[in-house]
Amino acid sequence: MKLAAKTRYAARILLALAMHGEDAPMTTTALSQHTGVTVQFIEQILKTLKRGGLTRSSRGASGGHMLARTPEDITLGEIVRLMEGGIQLTVCCSGDANACARRASCLTRSAWVRASQALERSLEETTLATLMEGEQPLSPHDEAVCRTADGDTAGARRSAARRPARATNPAELY
């Protein structure tokens, strides 16, 4: 599954709103400056986010866009479902029994379904509040999965060492 740009941008926009504060509206211009997304694209995305109940807006000189719910109540899973129409790796993972002619005899279907379910669980466990806390350390299981073929994690450590220090200014986080 490759997420569309609008989905990734929606997450960035919602994160910017969350970091800005629950009762502090942001204009589309300010959102554009903070996220690097064009005002026109932000306006399109905000329409979908508002219809989905994730944002609200207020008019006037001090108006703008805000989260409709707390950052703890908005998950990446909800964002992906809203923007993508669902979370599924393949058509055989959909609820439509007629989506794939090979569904009954497919030997790989169960693997795709398990992978899709794992992805959905991970996205549901990740809230905007979680993202606001910054990069989370890998679990021992995930660390093992990320090891190189020879079992050495030095490459992963070198890669992490090359990453820039985590930004502390909210404007640098986008």
C-alpha atoms as a PDB file:
ATOM      1  CA  MET A   1       0.000   0.000   0.000  1.00  0.00           C
ATOM      2  CA  LYS A   2       1.415   3.327  -1.013  1.00  0.00           C
ATOM      3  CA  LEU A   3      -0.270   6.262   0.678  1.00  0.00           C
ATOM      4  CA  ALA A   4      -1.328   9.148  -1.518  1.00  0.00           C
ATOM      5  CA  ALA A   5       0.301  12.530  -0.966  1.00  0.00           C
ATOM      6  CA  LYS A   6      -3.040  13.916   0.236  1.00  0.00           C
ATOM      7  CA  THR A   7      -3.060  11.341   3.054  1.00  0.00           C
ATOM      8  CA  ARG A   8       0.468  12.178   4.188  1.00  0.00           C
ATOM      9  CA  TYR A   9      -0.317  15.889   3.947  1.00  0.00           C
ATOM     10  CA  ALA A  10      -3.546  15.410   5.923  1.00  0.00           C
ATOM     11  CA  ALA A  11      -1.507  13.879   8.745  1.00  0.00           C
ATOM     12  CA  ARG A  12       0.951  16.808   8.601  1.00  0.00           C
ATOM     13  CA  ILE A  13      -1.887  19.344   8.645  1.00  0.00           C
ATOM     14  CA  LEU A  14      -3.602  17.654  11.589  1.00  0.00           C
ATOM     15  CA  LEU A  15      -0.313  17.424  13.465  1.00  0.00           C
ATOM     16  CA  ALA A  16       0.321  21.138  12.867  1.00  0.00           C
ATOM     17  CA  LEU A  17      -3.155  21.953  14.211  1.00  0.00           C
ATOM     18  CA  ALA A  18      -2.580  19.704  17.234  1.00  0.00           C
ATOM     19  CA  MET A  19       0.748  21.329  18.051  1.00  0.00           C
ATOM     20  CA  HIS A  20      -0.687  24.799  17.572  1.00  0.00           C
ATOM     21  CA  GLY A  21      -3.249  24.225  20.321  1.00  0.00           C
ATOM     22  CA  GLU A  22      -6.803  23.019  20.626  1.00  0.00           C
ATOM     23  CA  ASP A  23      -8.394  26.464  20.817  1.00  0.00           C
ATOM     24  CA  ALA A  24      -5.999  28.404  18.594  1.00  0.00           C
ATOM     25  CA  PRO A  25      -7.198  28.540  14.966  1.00  0.00           C
ATOM     26  CA  MET A  26      -4.662  28.421  12.131  1.00  0.00           C
ATOM     27  CA  THR A  27      -5.237  30.006   8.741  1.00  0.00           C
ATOM     28  CA  THR A  28      -4.574  28.072   5.559  1.00  0.00           C
ATOM     29  CA  THR A  29      -1.655  30.419   4.894  1.00  0.00           C
ATOM     30  CA  ALA A  30      -0.105  29.618   8.285  1.00  0.00           C
ATOM     31  CA  LEU A  31      -0.693  25.893   7.695  1.00  0.00           C
ATOM     32  CA  SER A  32       1.016  26.199   4.320  1.00  0.00           C
ATOM     33  CA  GLN A  33       4.030  27.910   5.878  1.00  0.00           C
ATOM     34  CA  HIS A  34       4.310  25.276   8.618  1.00  0.00           C
ATOM     35  CA  THR A  35       3.776  22.201   6.440  1.00  0.00           C
ATOM     36  CA  GLY A  36       5.169  23.174   3.043  1.00  0.00           C
ATOM     37  CA  VAL A  37       1.883  22.200   1.369  1.00  0.00           C
ATOM     38  CA  THR A  38       0.275  24.684  -1.038  1.00  0.00           C
ATOM     39  CA  VAL A  39      -2.722  26.686   0.177  1.00  0.00           C
ATOM     40  CA  GLN A  40      -4.879  25.244  -2.621  1.00  0.00           C
ATOM     41  CA  PHE A  41      -4.074  21.649  -1.676  1.00  0.00           C
ATOM     42  CA  ILE A  42      -4.585  22.414   2.025  1.00  0.00           C
ATOM     43  CA  GLU A  43      -8.050  23.805   1.252  1.00  0.00           C
ATOM     44  CA  GLN A  44      -8.983  20.599  -0.616  1.00  0.00           C
ATOM     45  CA  ILE A  45      -7.699  18.404   2.194  1.00  0.00           C
ATOM     46  CA  LEU A  46      -9.399  20.487   4.899  1.00  0.00           C
ATOM     47  CA  LYS A  47     -12.782  19.974   3.202  1.00  0.00           C
ATOM     48  CA  THR A  48     -12.353  16.212   3.536  1.00  0.00           C
ATOM     49  CA  LEU A  49     -11.046  16.489   7.107  1.00  0.00           C
ATOM     50  CA  LYS A  50     -13.994  18.678   8.106  1.00  0.00           C
ATOM     51  CA  ARG A  51     -16.528  16.301   6.486  1.00  0.00           C
ATOM     52  CA  GLY A  52     -14.850  13.464   8.378  1.00  0.00           C
ATOM     53  CA  GLY A  53     -15.240  15.283  11.694  1.00  0.00           C
ATOM     54  CA  LEU A  54     -11.523  15.771  12.308  1.00  0.00           C
ATOM     55  CA  THR A  55     -11.382  19.557  11.944  1.00  0.00           C
ATOM     56  CA  ARG A  56     -13.645  22.531  12.462  1.00  0.00           C
ATOM     57  CA  SER A  57     -13.300  26.134  11.418  1.00  0.00           C
ATOM     58  CA  SER A  58     -14.285  29.582  12.561  1.00  0.00           C
ATOM     59  CA  ARG A  59     -14.741  32.700  10.502  1.00  0.00           C
ATOM     60  CA  GLY A  60     -13.614  36.223  11.121  1.00  0.00           C
ATOM     61  CA  ALA A  61     -10.404  38.129  11.696  1.00  0.00           C
ATOM     62  CA  SER A  62      -9.188  35.626  14.274  1.00  0.00           C
ATOM     63  CA  GLY A  63     -10.688  32.617  12.504  1.00  0.00           C
ATOM     64  CA  GLY A  64      -9.083  29.586  11.009  1.00  0.00           C
ATOM     65  CA  HIS A  65      -8.973  25.821  11.364  1.00  0.00           C
ATOM     66  CA  MET A  66      -8.732  23.714  14.531  1.00  0.00           C
ATOM     67  CA  LEU A  67      -8.991  20.083  15.520  1.00  0.00           C
ATOM     68  CA  ALA A  68     -12.563  18.966  16.164  1.00  0.00           C
ATOM     69  CA  ARG A  69     -11.337  16.465  18.773  1.00  0.00           C
ATOM     70  CA  THR A  70      -8.322  16.095  21.024  1.00  0.00           C
ATOM     71  CA  PRO A  71      -5.018  14.790  19.609  1.00  0.00           C
ATOM     72  CA  GLU A  72      -5.445  11.681  21.784  1.00  0.00           C
ATOM     73  CA  ASP A  73      -8.685  10.857  19.954  1.00  0.00           C
ATOM     74  CA  ILE A  74      -7.428  11.059  16.358  1.00  0.00           C
ATOM     75  CA  THR A  75      -5.516   8.061  15.002  1.00  0.00           C
ATOM     76  CA  LEU A  76      -3.485   7.572  11.862  1.00  0.00           C
ATOM     77  CA  GLY A  77      -5.888   4.745  11.049  1.00  0.00           C
ATOM     78  CA  GLU A  78      -8.812   7.144  11.011  1.00  0.00           C
ATOM     79  CA  ILE A  79      -6.880   9.585   8.824  1.00  0.00           C
ATOM     80  CA  VAL A  80      -5.895   6.874   6.326  1.00  0.00           C
ATOM     81  CA  ARG A  81      -9.442   5.466   6.143  1.00  0.00           C
ATOM     82  CA  LEU A  82     -10.880   8.937   5.583  1.00  0.00           C
ATOM     83  CA  MET A  83      -8.377   9.977   2.928  1.00  0.00           C
ATOM     84  CA  GLU A  84      -7.834   6.607   1.195  1.00  0.00           C
ATOM     85  CA  GLY A  85     -11.263   5.049   1.622  1.00  0.00           C
ATOM     86  CA  GLY A  86      -9.901   2.209   3.731  1.00  0.00           C
ATOM     87  CA  ILE A  87      -6.831   0.355   4.896  1.00  0.00           C
ATOM     88  CA  GLN A  88      -6.114  -2.701   2.807  1.00  0.00           C
ATOM     89  CA  LEU A  89      -2.991  -3.997   1.159  1.00  0.00           C
ATOM     90  CA  THR A  90      -4.771  -5.969  -1.573  1.00  0.00           C
ATOM     91  CA  VAL A  91      -8.304  -6.388  -2.913  1.00  0.00           C
ATOM     92  CA  CYS A  92      -8.566  -9.763  -1.188  1.00  0.00           C
ATOM     93  CA  CYS A  93      -8.333  -7.932   2.150  1.00  0.00           C
ATOM     94  CA  SER A  94     -11.531  -6.026   1.463  1.00  0.00           C
ATOM     95  CA  GLY A  95     -14.840  -7.168   2.859  1.00  0.00           C
ATOM     96  CA  ASP A  96     -16.144  -7.763  -0.667  1.00  0.00           C
ATOM     97  CA  ALA A  97     -16.258 -11.523  -1.281  1.00  0.00           C
ATOM     98  CA  ASN A  98     -16.485 -10.905  -5.047  1.00  0.00           C
ATOM     99  CA  ALA A  99     -13.440  -8.601  -5.222  1.00  0.00           C
ATOM    100  CA  CYS A 100     -11.113 -11.419  -6.272  1.00  0.00           C
ATOM    101  CA  ALA A 101     -12.030 -14.447  -8.366  1.00  0.00           C
ATOM    102  CA  ARG A 102      -9.243 -16.496  -6.732  1.00  0.00           C
ATOM    103  CA  ARG A 103     -10.306 -15.713  -3.162  1.00  0.00           C
ATOM    104  CA  ALA A 104     -11.404 -19.269  -2.273  1.00  0.00           C
ATOM    105  CA  SER A 105      -8.297 -20.972  -3.671  1.00  0.00           C
ATOM    106  CA  CYS A 106      -5.615 -18.335  -3.073  1.00  0.00           C
ATOM    107  CA  LEU A 107      -2.733 -19.655  -0.990  1.00  0.00           C
ATOM    108  CA  THR A 108      -1.370 -16.174  -0.202  1.00  0.00           C
ATOM    109  CA  ARG A 109      -4.628 -14.534   0.900  1.00  0.00           C
ATOM    110  CA  SER A 110      -4.204 -15.352   4.603  1.00  0.00           C
ATOM    111  CA  ALA A 111      -0.731 -13.777   4.599  1.00  0.00           C
ATOM    112  CA  TRP A 112      -2.063 -10.581   2.990  1.00  0.00           C
ATOM    113  CA  VAL A 113      -4.959 -10.443   5.453  1.00  0.00           C
ATOM    114  CA  ARG A 114      -2.616 -10.851   8.453  1.00  0.00           C
ATOM    115  CA  ALA A 115      -0.272  -8.158   7.103  1.00  0.00           C
ATOM    116  CA  SER A 116      -3.194  -5.820   6.473  1.00  0.00           C
ATOM    117  CA  GLN A 117      -4.522  -6.407   9.994  1.00  0.00           C
ATOM    118  CA  ALA A 118      -1.085  -5.713  11.500  1.00  0.00           C
ATOM    119  CA  LEU A 119      -0.846  -2.460   9.545  1.00  0.00           C
ATOM    120  CA  GLU A 120      -4.315  -1.418  10.652  1.00  0.00           C
ATOM    121  CA  ARG A 121      -3.513  -2.215  14.314  1.00  0.00           C
ATOM    122  CA  SER A 122      -0.339  -0.139  14.135  1.00  0.00           C
ATOM    123  CA  LEU A 123      -2.142   2.821  12.561  1.00  0.00           C
ATOM    124  CA  GLU A 124      -4.941   2.589  15.145  1.00  0.00           C
ATOM    125  CA  GLU A 125      -2.429   2.608  18.011  1.00  0.00           C
ATOM    126  CA  THR A 126      -0.764   5.778  16.715  1.00  0.00           C
ATOM    127  CA  THR A 127      -2.547   8.983  17.677  1.00  0.00           C
ATOM    128  CA  LEU A 128      -1.640  12.587  16.958  1.00  0.00           C
ATOM    129  CA  ALA A 129      -0.656  12.821  20.633  1.00  0.00           C
ATOM    130  CA  THR A 130       1.740   9.901  20.146  1.00  0.00           C
ATOM    131  CA  LEU A 131       3.302  11.655  17.163  1.00  0.00           C
ATOM    132  CA  MET A 132       3.618  14.891  19.146  1.00  0.00           C
ATOM    133  CA  GLU A 133       5.781  13.030  21.673  1.00  0.00           C
ATOM    134  CA  GLY A 134       8.407  12.548  18.988  1.00  0.00           C
ATOM    135  CA  GLU A 135      10.152   9.514  17.588  1.00  0.00           C
ATOM    136  CA  GLN A 136       9.398   6.396  19.586  1.00  0.00           C
ATOM    137  CA  PRO A 137      12.166   3.843  20.163  1.00  0.00           C
ATOM    138  CA  LEU A 138      11.810   0.530  18.364  1.00  0.00           C
ATOM    139  CA  SER A 139      10.585  -2.451  20.343  1.00  0.00           C
ATOM    140  CA  PRO A 140      13.013  -5.392  20.625  1.00  0.00           C
ATOM    141  CA  HIS A 141      10.926  -7.245  18.014  1.00  0.00           C
ATOM    142  CA  ASP A 142      11.020  -4.322  15.570  1.00  0.00           C
ATOM    143  CA  GLU A 143      14.751  -3.879  16.181  1.00  0.00           C
ATOM    144  CA  ALA A 144      15.258  -7.544  15.263  1.00  0.00           C
ATOM    145  CA  VAL A 145      13.204  -7.127  12.093  1.00  0.00           C
ATOM    146  CA  CYS A 146      15.322  -4.140  11.068  1.00  0.00           C
ATOM    147  CA  ARG A 147      18.655  -5.955  11.472  1.00  0.00           C
ATOM    148  CA  THR A 148      20.742  -6.457   8.395  1.00  0.00           C
ATOM    149  CA  ALA A 149      21.120  -9.917   6.859  1.00  0.00           C
ATOM    150  CA  ASP A 150      24.301 -10.641   8.830  1.00  0.00           C
ATOM    151  CA  GLY A 151      22.583  -9.871  12.129  1.00  0.00           C
ATOM    152  CA  ASP A 152      24.482  -6.630  12.702  1.00  0.00           C
ATOM    153  CA  THR A 153      22.551  -3.485  13.610  1.00  0.00           C
ATOM    154  CA  ALA A 154      25.570  -1.247  13.080  1.00  0.00           C
ATOM    155  CA  GLY A 155      24.144  -0.088   9.768  1.00  0.00           C
ATOM    156  CA  ALA A 156      20.928   0.930  11.473  1.00  0.00           C
ATOM    157  CA  ARG A 157      22.901   2.736  14.187  1.00  0.00           C
ATOM    158  CA  ARG A 158      25.010   4.550  11.582  1.00  0.00           C
ATOM    159  CA  SER A 159      21.848   5.541   9.771  1.00  0.00           C
ATOM    160  CA  ALA A 160      20.344   6.869  13.012  1.00  0.00           C
ATOM    161  CA  ALA A 161      23.554   8.775  13.762  1.00  0.00           C
ATOM    162  CA  ARG A 162      23.295  10.521  10.378  1.00  0.00           C
ATOM    163  CA  ARG A 163      19.783  11.758  11.144  1.00  0.00           C
ATOM    164  CA  PRO A 164      19.631  15.379  12.202  1.00  0.00           C
ATOM    165  CA  ALA A 165      18.823  16.098  15.831  1.00  0.00           C
ATOM    166  CA  ARG A 166      15.118  16.158  16.584  1.00  0.00           C
ATOM    167  CA  ALA A 167      13.658  19.613  16.115  1.00  0.00           C
ATOM    168  CA  THR A 168      12.380  21.378  19.211  1.00  0.00           C
ATOM    169  CA  ASN A 169      10.688  24.279  17.460  1.00  0.00           C
ATOM    170  CA  PRO A 170       7.194  23.182  16.293  1.00  0.00           C
ATOM    171  CA  ALA A 171       7.688  24.952  12.954  1.00  0.00           C
ATOM    172  CA  GLU A 172      10.698  22.699  12.266  1.00  0.00           C
ATOM    173  CA  LEU A 173       8.696  19.501  12.747  1.00  0.00           C
ATOM    174  CA  TYR A 174       6.949  19.604   9.389  1.00  0.00           C
END
